[in-house]
PDB file of N, CA and C in Angstrom:
ATOM      1  N   UNK A   1       7.459  -7.813 -14.134  1.00  0.00           N
ATOM      2  CA  UNK A   1       7.793  -6.777 -13.072  1.00  0.00           C
ATOM      3  C   UNK A   1       7.975  -5.031 -13.740  1.00  0.00           C
ATOM      4  N   UNK A   2       8.010  -3.909 -12.607  1.00  0.00           N
ATOM      5  CA  UNK A   2       7.990  -2.974 -13.160  1.00  0.00           C
ATOM      6  C   UNK A   2       8.589  -2.133 -12.320  1.00  0.00           C
ATOM      7  N   UNK A   3       8.754  -0.854 -12.731  1.00  0.00           N
ATOM      8  CA  UNK A   3       9.698   0.060 -11.974  1.00  0.00           C
ATOM      9  C   UNK A   3       8.890   1.096 -11.254  1.00  0.00           C
ATOM     10  N   UNK A   4       9.654   1.195  -9.975  1.00  0.00           N
ATOM     11  CA  UNK A   4       8.769   2.081  -9.406  1.00  0.00           C
ATOM     12  C   UNK A   4       9.526   3.703  -8.952  1.00  0.00           C
ATOM     13  N   UNK A   5       9.588   4.609  -9.042  1.00  0.00           N
ATOM     14  CA  UNK A   5      10.270   5.845  -9.009  1.00  0.00           C
ATOM     15  C   UNK A   5       9.766   6.573  -7.734  1.00  0.00           C
ATOM     16  N   UNK A   6      10.322   6.818  -6.969  1.00  0.00           N
ATOM     17  CA  UNK A   6       9.904   7.537  -5.841  1.00  0.00           C
ATOM     18  C   UNK A   6      10.963   8.472  -5.048  1.00  0.00           C
ATOM     19  N   UNK A   7      10.671   9.807  -5.130  1.00  0.00           N
ATOM     20  CA  UNK A   7      11.616  10.677  -4.945  1.00  0.00           C
ATOM     21  C   UNK A   7      11.608  10.601  -3.059  1.00  0.00           C
ATOM     22  N   UNK A   8      13.207  10.656  -3.008  1.00  0.00           N
ATOM     23  CA  UNK A   8      13.588  10.713  -1.427  1.00  0.00           C
ATOM     24  C   UNK A   8      14.283  12.157  -1.455  1.00  0.00           C
ATOM     25  N   UNK A   9      14.280  12.384   0.156  1.00  0.00           N
ATOM     26  CA  UNK A   9      14.821  13.980   0.122  1.00  0.00           C
ATOM     27  C   UNK A   9      16.247  13.380   0.862  1.00  0.00           C
ATOM     28  N   UNK A  10      17.326  13.628   0.263  1.00  0.00           N
ATOM     29  CA  UNK A  10      17.995  12.845   1.641  1.00  0.00           C
ATOM     30  C   UNK A  10      18.962  14.716   2.028  1.00  0.00           C
ATOM     31  N   UNK A  11      18.631  15.451   1.846  1.00  0.00           N
ATOM     32  CA  UNK A  11      18.504  16.900   2.484  1.00  0.00           C
ATOM     33  C   UNK A  11      17.629  18.143   2.051  1.00  0.00           C
ATOM     34  N   UNK A  12      17.597  18.859   2.384  1.00  0.00           N
ATOM     35  CA  UNK A  12      16.622  19.885   1.931  1.00  0.00           C
ATOM     36  C   UNK A  12      17.030  20.467   0.434  1.00  0.00           C
ATOM     37  N   UNK A  13      18.147  20.257  -0.099  1.00  0.00           N
ATOM     38  CA  UNK A  13      19.261  20.498  -1.004  1.00  0.00           C
ATOM     39  C   UNK A  13      19.119  19.311  -1.616  1.00  0.00           C
ATOM     40  N   UNK A  14      19.434  18.110  -1.619  1.00  0.00           N
ATOM     41  CA  UNK A  14      19.922  17.234  -2.689  1.00  0.00           C
ATOM     42  C   UNK A  14      18.913  16.472  -2.663  1.00  0.00           C
ATOM     43  N   UNK A  15      17.704  16.552  -3.954  1.00  0.00           N
ATOM     44  CA  UNK A  15      17.031  15.172  -3.825  1.00  0.00           C
ATOM     45  C   UNK A  15      17.753  14.272  -4.784  1.00  0.00           C
ATOM     46  N   UNK A  16      17.056  13.397  -4.072  1.00  0.00           N
ATOM     47  CA  UNK A  16      17.495  11.744  -5.184  1.00  0.00           C
ATOM     48  C   UNK A  16      16.242  10.883  -5.182  1.00  0.00           C
ATOM     49  N   UNK A  17      16.781   9.593  -6.206  1.00  0.00           N
ATOM     50  CA  UNK A  17      15.212   9.252  -6.192  1.00  0.00           C
ATOM     51  C   UNK A  17      15.755   7.741  -6.417  1.00  0.00           C
ATOM     52  N   UNK A  18      14.967   6.882  -5.543  1.00  0.00           N
ATOM     53  CA  UNK A  18      15.114   5.634  -5.375  1.00  0.00           C
ATOM     54  C   UNK A  18      14.408   4.646  -6.288  1.00  0.00           C
ATOM     55  N   UNK A  19      14.723   3.637  -7.039  1.00  0.00           N
ATOM     56  CA  UNK A  19      14.182   3.090  -7.762  1.00  0.00           C
ATOM     57  C   UNK A  19      14.477   1.651  -7.444  1.00  0.00           C
ATOM     58  N   UNK A  20      12.828   0.979  -7.581  1.00  0.00           N
ATOM     59  CA  UNK A  20      12.782  -0.355  -7.174  1.00  0.00           C
ATOM     60  C   UNK A  20      12.298  -0.983  -7.919  1.00  0.00           C
ATOM     61  N   UNK A  21      12.296  -2.625  -8.235  1.00  0.00           N
ATOM     62  CA  UNK A  21      11.990  -3.139  -9.360  1.00  0.00           C
ATOM     63  C   UNK A  21      10.724  -4.005  -8.254  1.00  0.00           C
ATOM     64  N   UNK A  22      10.092  -3.864  -8.830  1.00  0.00           N
ATOM     65  CA  UNK A  22       8.713  -4.783  -8.209  1.00  0.00           C
ATOM     66  C   UNK A  22       8.460  -6.189  -9.065  1.00  0.00           C
ATOM     67  N   UNK A  23       8.568  -7.106  -8.433  1.00  0.00           N
ATOM     68  CA  UNK A  23       7.944  -8.518  -9.137  1.00  0.00           C
ATOM     69  C   UNK A  23       6.625  -8.631  -8.771  1.00  0.00           C
ATOM     70  N   UNK A  24       5.396  -8.248 -10.091  1.00  0.00           N
ATOM     71  CA  UNK A  24       4.375  -8.419 -10.123  1.00  0.00           C
ATOM     72  C   UNK A  24       4.079  -9.972 -10.452  1.00  0.00           C
ATOM     73  N   UNK A  25       4.890 -11.186 -10.443  1.00  0.00           N
ATOM     74  CA  UNK A  25       3.992 -12.319 -10.959  1.00  0.00           C
ATOM     75  C   UNK A  25       3.361 -13.183  -9.805  1.00  0.00           C
ATOM     76  N   UNK A  26       2.500 -13.905  -9.471  1.00  0.00           N
ATOM     77  CA  UNK A  26       1.501 -14.439  -9.068  1.00  0.00           C
ATOM     78  C   UNK A  26       2.234 -14.984  -7.741  1.00  0.00           C
ATOM     79  N   UNK A  27       3.352 -15.875  -8.198  1.00  0.00           N
ATOM     80  CA  UNK A  27       4.210 -16.485  -7.352  1.00  0.00           C
ATOM     81  C   UNK A  27       5.442 -15.720  -6.979  1.00  0.00           C
ATOM     82  N   UNK A  28       5.534 -14.426  -7.094  1.00  0.00           N
ATOM     83  CA  UNK A  28       6.794 -13.683  -6.326  1.00  0.00           C
ATOM     84  C   UNK A  28       7.033 -13.868  -5.230  1.00  0.00           C
ATOM     85  N   UNK A  29       8.719 -14.195  -4.577  1.00  0.00           N
ATOM     86  CA  UNK A  29       8.782 -13.728  -3.377  1.00  0.00           C
ATOM     87  C   UNK A  29       8.432 -12.211  -2.767  1.00  0.00           C
ATOM     88  N   UNK A  30       7.732 -12.614  -1.662  1.00  0.00           N
ATOM     89  CA  UNK A  30       7.575 -10.936  -0.486  1.00  0.00           C
ATOM     90  C   UNK A  30       8.706 -10.562  -0.188  1.00  0.00           C
ATOM     91  N   UNK A  31       9.267  -9.416  -0.597  1.00  0.00           N
ATOM     92  CA  UNK A  31      10.266  -8.843  -0.084  1.00  0.00           C
ATOM     93  C   UNK A  31      10.472  -7.402   0.623  1.00  0.00           C
ATOM     94  N   UNK A  32      10.088  -8.328   1.988  1.00  0.00           N
ATOM     95  CA  UNK A  32       9.763  -7.474   2.953  1.00  0.00           C
ATOM     96  C   UNK A  32      10.795  -5.634   3.515  1.00  0.00           C
ATOM     97  N   UNK A  33      12.305  -5.946   3.379  1.00  0.00           N
ATOM     98  CA  UNK A  33      13.044  -4.961   3.508  1.00  0.00           C
ATOM     99  C   UNK A  33      12.672  -4.042   2.782  1.00  0.00           C
ATOM    100  N   UNK A  34      12.590  -4.185   1.071  1.00  0.00           N
ATOM    101  CA  UNK A  34      12.510  -3.159  -0.023  1.00  0.00           C
ATOM    102  C   UNK A  34      11.201  -2.315   0.250  1.00  0.00           C
ATOM    103  N   UNK A  35      10.395  -3.432   0.737  1.00  0.00           N
ATOM    104  CA  UNK A  35       8.826  -2.988   0.790  1.00  0.00           C
ATOM    105  C   UNK A  35       8.732  -1.982   1.783  1.00  0.00           C
ATOM    106  N   UNK A  36       9.345  -1.991   2.873  1.00  0.00           N
ATOM    107  CA  UNK A  36       9.611  -1.098   3.949  1.00  0.00           C
ATOM    108  C   UNK A  36      10.238   0.200   3.413  1.00  0.00           C
ATOM    109  N   UNK A  37      11.382   0.152   2.854  1.00  0.00           N
ATOM    110  CA  UNK A  37      11.940   1.138   2.764  1.00  0.00           C
ATOM    111  C   UNK A  37      11.331   1.909   1.791  1.00  0.00           C
ATOM    112  N   UNK A  38      10.865   1.531   0.643  1.00  0.00           N
ATOM    113  CA  UNK A  38      10.126   1.835  -0.460  1.00  0.00           C
ATOM    114  C   UNK A  38       8.697   2.450   0.200  1.00  0.00           C
ATOM    115  N   UNK A  39       7.922   2.416   1.526  1.00  0.00           N
ATOM    116  CA  UNK A  39       6.881   2.891   2.322  1.00  0.00           C
ATOM    117  C   UNK A  39       7.343   3.777   3.040  1.00  0.00           C
ATOM    118  N   UNK A  40       8.545   3.721   4.044  1.00  0.00           N
ATOM    119  CA  UNK A  40       9.511   4.497   4.359  1.00  0.00           C
ATOM    120  C   UNK A  40       9.729   5.800   3.244  1.00  0.00           C
ATOM    121  N   UNK A  41      10.168   6.033   2.381  1.00  0.00           N
ATOM    122  CA  UNK A  41      10.641   6.890   1.542  1.00  0.00           C
ATOM    123  C   UNK A  41       9.689   7.878   0.912  1.00  0.00           C
ATOM    124  N   UNK A  42       7.755   6.949   0.931  1.00  0.00           N
ATOM    125  CA  UNK A  42       6.867   7.727   1.278  1.00  0.00           C
ATOM    126  C   UNK A  42       6.232   8.318   2.263  1.00  0.00           C
ATOM    127  N   UNK A  43       6.570   8.410   2.837  1.00  0.00           N
ATOM    128  CA  UNK A  43       6.031   9.133   4.076  1.00  0.00           C
ATOM    129  C   UNK A  43       5.612   8.428   5.534  1.00  0.00           C
ATOM    130  N   UNK A  44       5.665   6.877   5.045  1.00  0.00           N
ATOM    131  CA  UNK A  44       5.236   5.845   6.014  1.00  0.00           C
ATOM    132  C   UNK A  44       6.164   6.191   7.458  1.00  0.00           C
ATOM    133  N   UNK A  45       4.769   6.247   8.608  1.00  0.00           N
ATOM    134  CA  UNK A  45       6.241   6.315   9.741  1.00  0.00           C
ATOM    135  C   UNK A  45       5.347   5.039  10.391  1.00  0.00           C
ATOM    136  N   UNK A  46       6.530   4.559  11.461  1.00  0.00           N
ATOM    137  CA  UNK A  46       6.016   3.451  12.666  1.00  0.00           C
ATOM    138  C   UNK A  46       6.600   3.450  13.602  1.00  0.00           C
ATOM    139  N   UNK A  47       5.766   3.259  14.629  1.00  0.00           N
ATOM    140  CA  UNK A  47       5.793   3.360  16.228  1.00  0.00           C
ATOM    141  C   UNK A  47       6.918   2.297  16.559  1.00  0.00           C
ATOM    142  N   UNK A  48       8.181   2.788  17.404  1.00  0.00           N
ATOM    143  CA  UNK A  48       9.202   2.296  17.994  1.00  0.00           C
ATOM    144  C   UNK A  48       8.679   1.084  18.026  1.00  0.00           C
ATOM    145  N   UNK A  49       9.308  -0.243  17.752  1.00  0.00           N
ATOM    146  CA  UNK A  49       9.134  -1.386  17.845  1.00  0.00           C
ATOM    147  C   UNK A  49       8.356  -1.962  17.192  1.00  0.00           C
ATOM    148  N   UNK A  50       7.517  -1.593  16.435  1.00  0.00           N
ATOM    149  CA  UNK A  50       6.766  -1.708  15.132  1.00  0.00           C
ATOM    150  C   UNK A  50       7.476  -2.868  14.272  1.00  0.00           C
ATOM    151  N   UNK A  51       7.436  -3.810  13.858  1.00  0.00           N
ATOM    152  CA  UNK A  51       7.887  -4.571  12.948  1.00  0.00           C
ATOM    153  C   UNK A  51       7.103  -5.610  12.249  1.00  0.00           C
ATOM    154  N   UNK A  52       7.553  -5.745  10.075  1.00  0.00           N
ATOM    155  CA  UNK A  52       6.756  -6.852  10.004  1.00  0.00           C
ATOM    156  C   UNK A  52       7.873  -8.375   9.948  1.00  0.00           C
ATOM    157  N   UNK A  53       7.388  -9.120  10.262  1.00  0.00           N
ATOM    158  CA  UNK A  53       7.987 -10.331  10.093  1.00  0.00           C
ATOM    159  C   UNK A  53       7.402 -11.196   9.600  1.00  0.00           C
ATOM    160  N   UNK A  54       8.692 -12.545   8.743  1.00  0.00           N
ATOM    161  CA  UNK A  54       7.472 -13.380   7.835  1.00  0.00           C
ATOM    162  C   UNK A  54       8.162 -14.645   8.493  1.00  0.00           C
ATOM    163  N   UNK A  55       7.078 -15.301   7.668  1.00  0.00           N
ATOM    164  CA  UNK A  55       7.197 -16.888   8.561  1.00  0.00           C
ATOM    165  C   UNK A  55       6.776 -17.602   7.479  1.00  0.00           C
ATOM    166  N   UNK A  56       7.469 -18.575   7.072  1.00  0.00           N
ATOM    167  CA  UNK A  56       7.083 -19.620   5.900  1.00  0.00           C
ATOM    168  C   UNK A  56       5.739 -20.324   6.353  1.00  0.00           C
ATOM    169  N   UNK A  57       5.083 -20.466   5.439  1.00  0.00           N
ATOM    170  CA  UNK A  57       3.765 -21.334   5.810  1.00  0.00           C
ATOM    171  C   UNK A  57       3.441 -21.807   4.394  1.00  0.00           C
ATOM    172  N   UNK A  58       3.462 -22.898   4.573  1.00  0.00           N
ATOM    173  CA  UNK A  58       3.548 -23.957   2.568  1.00  0.00           C
ATOM    174  C   UNK A  58       4.254 -23.980   2.065  1.00  0.00           C
ATOM    175  N   UNK A  59       5.575 -22.952   2.800  1.00  0.00           N
ATOM    176  CA  UNK A  59       6.017 -22.561   1.261  1.00  0.00           C
ATOM    177  C   UNK A  59       6.261 -21.412   0.733  1.00  0.00           C
ATOM    178  N   UNK A  60       4.955 -20.862   1.333  1.00  0.00           N
ATOM    179  CA  UNK A  60       4.956 -19.031   0.996  1.00  0.00           C
ATOM    180  C   UNK A  60       5.522 -18.237   2.498  1.00  0.00           C
ATOM    181  N   UNK A  61       5.905 -17.262   2.102  1.00  0.00           N
ATOM    182  CA  UNK A  61       6.044 -16.034   3.321  1.00  0.00           C
ATOM    183  C   UNK A  61       4.621 -15.529   3.605  1.00  0.00           C
ATOM    184  N   UNK A  62       4.264 -15.820   4.825  1.00  0.00           N
ATOM    185  CA  UNK A  62       3.096 -14.960   5.653  1.00  0.00           C
ATOM    186  C   UNK A  62       3.717 -14.045   6.543  1.00  0.00           C
ATOM    187  N   UNK A  63       3.143 -13.091   5.986  1.00  0.00           N
ATOM    188  CA  UNK A  63       3.292 -11.744   6.637  1.00  0.00           C
ATOM    189  C   UNK A  63       2.829 -11.102   7.578  1.00  0.00           C
ATOM    190  N   UNK A  64       3.145 -10.637   8.962  1.00  0.00           N
ATOM    191  CA  UNK A  64       2.214 -10.305  10.010  1.00  0.00           C
ATOM    192  C   UNK A  64       2.987  -9.005  10.562  1.00  0.00           C
ATOM    193  N   UNK A  65       2.387  -8.447  10.943  1.00  0.00           N
ATOM    194  CA  UNK A  65       3.115  -7.120  12.095  1.00  0.00           C
ATOM    195  C   UNK A  65       2.842  -7.645  13.466  1.00  0.00           C
ATOM    196  N   UNK A  66       4.102  -6.995  13.864  1.00  0.00           N
ATOM    197  CA  UNK A  66       3.757  -6.878  15.267  1.00  0.00           C
ATOM    198  C   UNK A  66       5.181  -6.361  16.245  1.00  0.00           C
ATOM    199  N   UNK A  67       5.050  -5.996  17.891  1.00  0.00           N
ATOM    200  CA  UNK A  67       5.751  -5.070  18.310  1.00  0.00           C
ATOM    201  C   UNK A  67       6.519  -5.422  19.116  1.00  0.00           C
ATOM    202  N   UNK A  68       7.831  -5.172  19.052  1.00  0.00           N
ATOM    203  CA  UNK A  68       8.695  -5.204  20.239  1.00  0.00           C
ATOM    204  C   UNK A  68       8.975  -4.876  21.607  1.00  0.00           C
ATOM    205  N   UNK A  69       8.093  -3.835  21.243  1.00  0.00           N
ATOM    206  CA  UNK A  69       8.126  -3.176  22.957  1.00  0.00           C
ATOM    207  C   UNK A  69       6.600  -2.980  23.254  1.00  0.00           C
ATOM    208  N   UNK A  70       6.361  -2.525  24.142  1.00  0.00           N
ATOM    209  CA  UNK A  70       4.855  -1.774  24.902  1.00  0.00           C
ATOM    210  C   UNK A  70       4.394  -0.889  24.704  1.00  0.00           C
ATOM    211  N   UNK A  71       3.688  -1.010  24.085  1.00  0.00           N
ATOM    212  CA  UNK A  71       2.786   0.445  23.289  1.00  0.00           C
ATOM    213  C   UNK A  71       1.186   0.555  23.839  1.00  0.00           C
ATOM    214  N   UNK A  72       1.155   1.664  24.568  1.00  0.00           N
ATOM    215  CA  UNK A  72      -0.066   1.991  25.170  1.00  0.00           C
ATOM    216  C   UNK A  72      -1.267   1.601  24.548  1.00  0.00           C
ATOM    217  N   UNK A  73      -2.345   1.154  24.923  1.00  0.00           N
ATOM    218  CA  UNK A  73      -3.442   0.943  24.405  1.00  0.00           C
ATOM    219  C   UNK A  73      -4.072   2.080  23.535  1.00  0.00           C
ATOM    220  N   UNK A  74      -4.360   2.396  22.580  1.00  0.00           N
ATOM    221  CA  UNK A  74      -4.824   2.969  21.877  1.00  0.00           C
ATOM    222  C   UNK A  74      -3.894   4.250  21.195  1.00  0.00           C
ATOM    223  N   UNK A  75      -2.578   4.108  20.705  1.00  0.00           N
ATOM    224  CA  UNK A  75      -1.594   4.772  20.669  1.00  0.00           C
ATOM    225  C   UNK A  75      -1.811   4.187  18.698  1.00  0.00           C
ATOM    226  N   UNK A  76      -1.251   5.535  17.964  1.00  0.00           N
ATOM    227  CA  UNK A  76      -1.186   4.761  16.889  1.00  0.00           C
ATOM    228  C   UNK A  76       0.205   3.940  16.874  1.00  0.00           C
ATOM    229  N   UNK A  77       0.319   3.211  16.167  1.00  0.00           N
ATOM    230  CA  UNK A  77       1.243   2.015  15.496  1.00  0.00           C
ATOM    231  C   UNK A  77       1.780   2.566  13.711  1.00  0.00           C
ATOM    232  N   UNK A  78       1.421   3.314  13.131  1.00  0.00           N
ATOM    233  CA  UNK A  78       1.525   3.108  12.009  1.00  0.00           C
ATOM    234  C   UNK A  78       0.588   4.366  11.330  1.00  0.00           C
ATOM    235  N   UNK A  79       1.490   4.864  10.379  1.00  0.00           N
ATOM    236  CA  UNK A  79       1.038   6.344  10.015  1.00  0.00           C
ATOM    237  C   UNK A  79       1.047   5.733   8.779  1.00  0.00           C
ATOM    238  N   UNK A  80      -0.066   6.091   7.807  1.00  0.00           N
ATOM    239  CA  UNK A  80       0.143   6.211   6.235  1.00  0.00           C
ATOM    240  C   UNK A  80      -0.414   7.166   5.749  1.00  0.00           C
ATOM    241  N   UNK A  81       0.361   8.450   4.784  1.00  0.00           N
ATOM    242  CA  UNK A  81       0.111   9.699   3.982  1.00  0.00           C
ATOM    243  C   UNK A  81      -1.200   9.487   3.165  1.00  0.00           C
ATOM    244  N   UNK A  82      -2.145   9.764   3.394  1.00  0.00           N
ATOM    245  CA  UNK A  82      -3.611   9.940   2.447  1.00  0.00           C
ATOM    246  C   UNK A  82      -2.878   9.938   1.475  1.00  0.00           C
ATOM    247  N   UNK A  83      -2.055  10.141   0.129  1.00  0.00           N
ATOM    248  CA  UNK A  83      -2.014  10.201  -0.927  1.00  0.00           C
ATOM    249  C   UNK A  83      -1.390   8.644  -1.298  1.00  0.00           C
ATOM    250  N   UNK A  84      -0.904   7.868  -0.087  1.00  0.00           N
ATOM    251  CA  UNK A  84      -0.708   6.262  -0.362  1.00  0.00           C
ATOM    252  C   UNK A  84      -1.646   5.566  -0.368  1.00  0.00           C
ATOM    253  N   UNK A  85      -2.931   5.934   0.302  1.00  0.00           N
ATOM    254  CA  UNK A  85      -3.854   5.216   0.041  1.00  0.00           C
ATOM    255  C   UNK A  85      -5.201   5.083  -0.720  1.00  0.00           C
ATOM    256  N   UNK A  86      -5.343   3.808  -1.635  1.00  0.00           N
ATOM    257  CA  UNK A  86      -6.065   3.474  -2.563  1.00  0.00           C
ATOM    258  C   UNK A  86      -7.625   3.470  -2.089  1.00  0.00           C
ATOM    259  N   UNK A  87      -8.639   4.317  -2.847  1.00  0.00           N
ATOM    260  CA  UNK A  87      -9.465   4.557  -1.759  1.00  0.00           C
ATOM    261  C   UNK A  87     -10.784   4.514  -3.304  1.00  0.00           C
ATOM    262  N   UNK A  88     -12.105   3.920  -2.994  1.00  0.00           N
ATOM    263  CA  UNK A  88     -12.586   4.049  -4.101  1.00  0.00           C
ATOM    264  C   UNK A  88     -13.243   5.338  -4.895  1.00  0.00           C
ATOM    265  N   UNK A  89     -13.182   6.493  -3.780  1.00  0.00           N
ATOM    266  CA  UNK A  89     -13.228   7.570  -3.658  1.00  0.00           C
ATOM    267  C   UNK A  89     -12.205   8.438  -4.726  1.00  0.00           C
ATOM    268  N   UNK A  90     -11.004   8.085  -5.095  1.00  0.00           N
ATOM    269  CA  UNK A  90      -9.421   8.626  -5.039  1.00  0.00           C
ATOM    270  C   UNK A  90      -9.656   8.113  -7.225  1.00  0.00           C
ATOM    271  N   UNK A  91      -9.877   6.301  -7.052  1.00  0.00           N
ATOM    272  CA  UNK A  91      -9.874   5.543  -8.285  1.00  0.00           C
ATOM    273  C   UNK A  91     -10.732   6.614  -9.058  1.00  0.00           C
ATOM    274  N   UNK A  92     -12.349   7.376  -8.355  1.00  0.00           N
ATOM    275  CA  UNK A  92     -13.275   7.964  -9.150  1.00  0.00           C
ATOM    276  C   UNK A  92     -12.972   9.332 -10.114  1.00  0.00           C
ATOM    277  N   UNK A  93     -12.190   9.750  -9.172  1.00  0.00           N
ATOM    278  CA  UNK A  93     -11.341  10.812  -9.047  1.00  0.00           C
ATOM    279  C   UNK A  93     -10.443  10.886 -10.609  1.00  0.00           C
ATOM    280  N   UNK A  94      -9.561  10.021 -10.075  1.00  0.00           N
ATOM    281  CA  UNK A  94      -8.570   9.498 -11.197  1.00  0.00           C
ATOM    282  C   UNK A  94      -9.657   9.112 -13.053  1.00  0.00           C
ATOM    283  N   UNK A  95     -10.397   8.214 -12.951  1.00  0.00           N
ATOM    284  CA  UNK A  95     -10.513   7.559 -13.777  1.00  0.00           C
ATOM    285  C   UNK A  95     -12.180   8.413 -14.289  1.00  0.00           C
ATOM    286  N   UNK A  96     -12.740   9.586 -13.672  1.00  0.00           N
ATOM    287  CA  UNK A  96     -13.677   9.975 -14.079  1.00  0.00           C
ATOM    288  C   UNK A  96     -14.626   8.709 -13.988  1.00  0.00           C
ATOM    289  N   UNK A  97     -16.432   9.450 -14.098  1.00  0.00           N
ATOM    290  CA  UNK A  97     -17.060   8.583 -13.944  1.00  0.00           C
ATOM    291  C   UNK A  97     -17.256   7.622 -14.991  1.00  0.00           C
ATOM    292  N   UNK A  98     -17.314   6.153 -14.763  1.00  0.00           N
ATOM    293  CA  UNK A  98     -17.819   4.838 -16.267  1.00  0.00           C
ATOM    294  C   UNK A  98     -19.373   4.824 -16.177  1.00  0.00           C
ATOM    295  N   UNK A  99     -19.680   5.721 -16.755  1.00  0.00           N
ATOM    296  CA  UNK A  99     -21.379   5.483 -16.718  1.00  0.00           C
ATOM    297  C   UNK A  99     -21.544   4.219 -17.327  1.00  0.00           C
ATOM    298  N   UNK A 100     -20.777   3.942 -18.513  1.00  0.00           N
ATOM    299  CA  UNK A 100     -21.574   2.015 -19.222  1.00  0.00           C
ATOM    300  C   UNK A 100     -21.628   1.161 -18.334  1.00  0.00           C
ATOM    301  N   UNK A 101     -19.716   0.858 -17.076  1.00  0.00           N
ATOM    302  CA  UNK A 101     -19.835   0.264 -16.311  1.00  0.00           C
ATOM    303  C   UNK A 101     -21.011   0.146 -15.211  1.00  0.00           C
ATOM    304  N   UNK A 102     -20.987   1.744 -14.682  1.00  0.00           N
ATOM    305  CA  UNK A 102     -22.106   1.711 -13.718  1.00  0.00           C
ATOM    306  C   UNK A 102     -23.646   1.149 -13.732  1.00  0.00           C
ATOM    307  N   UNK A 103     -23.712   1.673 -15.522  1.00  0.00           N
ATOM    308  CA  UNK A 103     -24.798   1.058 -16.178  1.00  0.00           C
ATOM    309  C   UNK A 103     -25.689  -0.549 -15.782  1.00  0.00           C
ATOM    310  N   UNK A 104     -24.484  -1.312 -16.133  1.00  0.00           N
ATOM    311  CA  UNK A 104     -24.331  -2.616 -15.998  1.00  0.00           C
ATOM    312  C   UNK A 104     -24.553  -3.081 -14.380  1.00  0.00           C
ATOM    313  N   UNK A 105     -23.763  -2.385 -13.159  1.00  0.00           N
ATOM    314  CA  UNK A 105     -23.879  -3.041 -12.249  1.00  0.00           C
ATOM    315  C   UNK A 105     -25.243  -2.229 -11.550  1.00  0.00           C
ATOM    316  N   UNK A 106     -25.823  -1.602 -11.800  1.00  0.00           N
ATOM    317  CA  UNK A 106     -27.180  -1.345 -11.621  1.00  0.00           C
ATOM    318  C   UNK A 106     -28.006  -1.876 -11.776  1.00  0.00           C
ATOM    319  N   UNK A 107     -27.775  -1.885 -13.569  1.00  0.00           N
ATOM    320  CA  UNK A 107     -28.839  -3.525 -14.043  1.00  0.00           C
ATOM    321  C   UNK A 107     -28.858  -4.661 -13.243  1.00  0.00           C
ATOM    322  N   UNK A 108     -27.619  -5.474 -12.665  1.00  0.00           N
ATOM    323  CA  UNK A 108     -27.380  -6.268 -12.020  1.00  0.00           C
ATOM    324  C   UNK A 108     -27.651  -6.092 -10.560  1.00  0.00           C
ATOM    325  N   UNK A 109     -28.114  -5.049 -10.195  1.00  0.00           N
ATOM    326  CA  UNK A 109     -28.984  -4.786  -8.426  1.00  0.00           C
ATOM    327  C   UNK A 109     -27.947  -4.824  -7.817  1.00  0.00           C
ATOM    328  N   UNK A 110     -26.783  -4.865  -8.163  1.00  0.00           N
ATOM    329  CA  UNK A 110     -25.351  -4.193  -7.524  1.00  0.00           C
ATOM    330  C   UNK A 110     -24.858  -2.819  -7.051  1.00  0.00           C
ATOM    331  N   UNK A 111     -25.850  -1.961  -7.300  1.00  0.00           N
ATOM    332  CA  UNK A 111     -25.445  -0.188  -6.801  1.00  0.00           C
ATOM    333  C   UNK A 111     -25.222   0.002  -5.383  1.00  0.00           C
ATOM    334  N   UNK A 112     -25.411  -1.547  -4.119  1.00  0.00           N
ATOM    335  CA  UNK A 112     -24.967  -0.899  -3.384  1.00  0.00           C
ATOM    336  C   UNK A 112     -23.465  -0.718  -3.143  1.00  0.00           C
ATOM    337  N   UNK A 113     -22.758  -1.733  -3.739  1.00  0.00           N
ATOM    338  CA  UNK A 113     -21.444  -2.261  -4.073  1.00  0.00           C
ATOM    339  C   UNK A 113     -21.197  -1.245  -5.078  1.00  0.00           C
ATOM    340  N   UNK A 114     -21.355  -0.543  -5.723  1.00  0.00           N
ATOM    341  CA  UNK A 114     -21.019   0.318  -7.014  1.00  0.00           C
ATOM    342  C   UNK A 114     -19.144   1.337  -7.152  1.00  0.00           C
ATOM    343  N   UNK A 115     -19.274   1.616  -5.562  1.00  0.00           N
ATOM    344  CA  UNK A 115     -17.717   2.481  -4.868  1.00  0.00           C
ATOM    345  C   UNK A 115     -16.694   0.788  -5.276  1.00  0.00           C
ATOM    346  N   UNK A 116     -17.009   0.217  -4.882  1.00  0.00           N
ATOM    347  CA  UNK A 116     -15.839  -0.939  -4.836  1.00  0.00           C
ATOM    348  C   UNK A 116     -15.578  -1.455  -6.201  1.00  0.00           C
ATOM    349  N   UNK A 117     -16.685  -1.408  -7.268  1.00  0.00           N
ATOM    350  CA  UNK A 117     -15.527  -1.551  -8.641  1.00  0.00           C
ATOM    351  C   UNK A 117     -14.949  -0.637  -8.835  1.00  0.00           C
ATOM    352  N   UNK A 118     -14.887   0.333  -8.418  1.00  0.00           N
ATOM    353  CA  UNK A 118     -14.268   1.404  -9.245  1.00  0.00           C
ATOM    354  C   UNK A 118     -12.400   0.708  -8.922  1.00  0.00           C
ATOM    355  N   UNK A 119     -12.553   0.266  -7.279  1.00  0.00           N
ATOM    356  CA  UNK A 119     -11.259  -0.612  -7.182  1.00  0.00           C
ATOM    357  C   UNK A 119     -10.501  -1.711  -7.983  1.00  0.00           C
TER     358      UNK A 119
END
């Protein structure tokens, strides 16, 4: 497990911190409420009626999204701030170019997949 710290503003003058312990073991149980709390604290916004639901599937929790209200076609149901999205571009910015690794990928004729290796 590891500790994730994310600031939450309870008011404009009183910042506090939310500390979550995340179990990253392979067979760890999924904790939907804590994950939703963390996502909300990071700026994720949900449409009214959007929710994550869990269903036991062969002893493991399968999580899916559903709505409890009619939502007009083409309406957004979830907003995720850009800072929370892991992309190959952001990984390349953070780590810099990994020239030796890139050379090996190119040598194996996988240059079309180069950006994916940064993830």
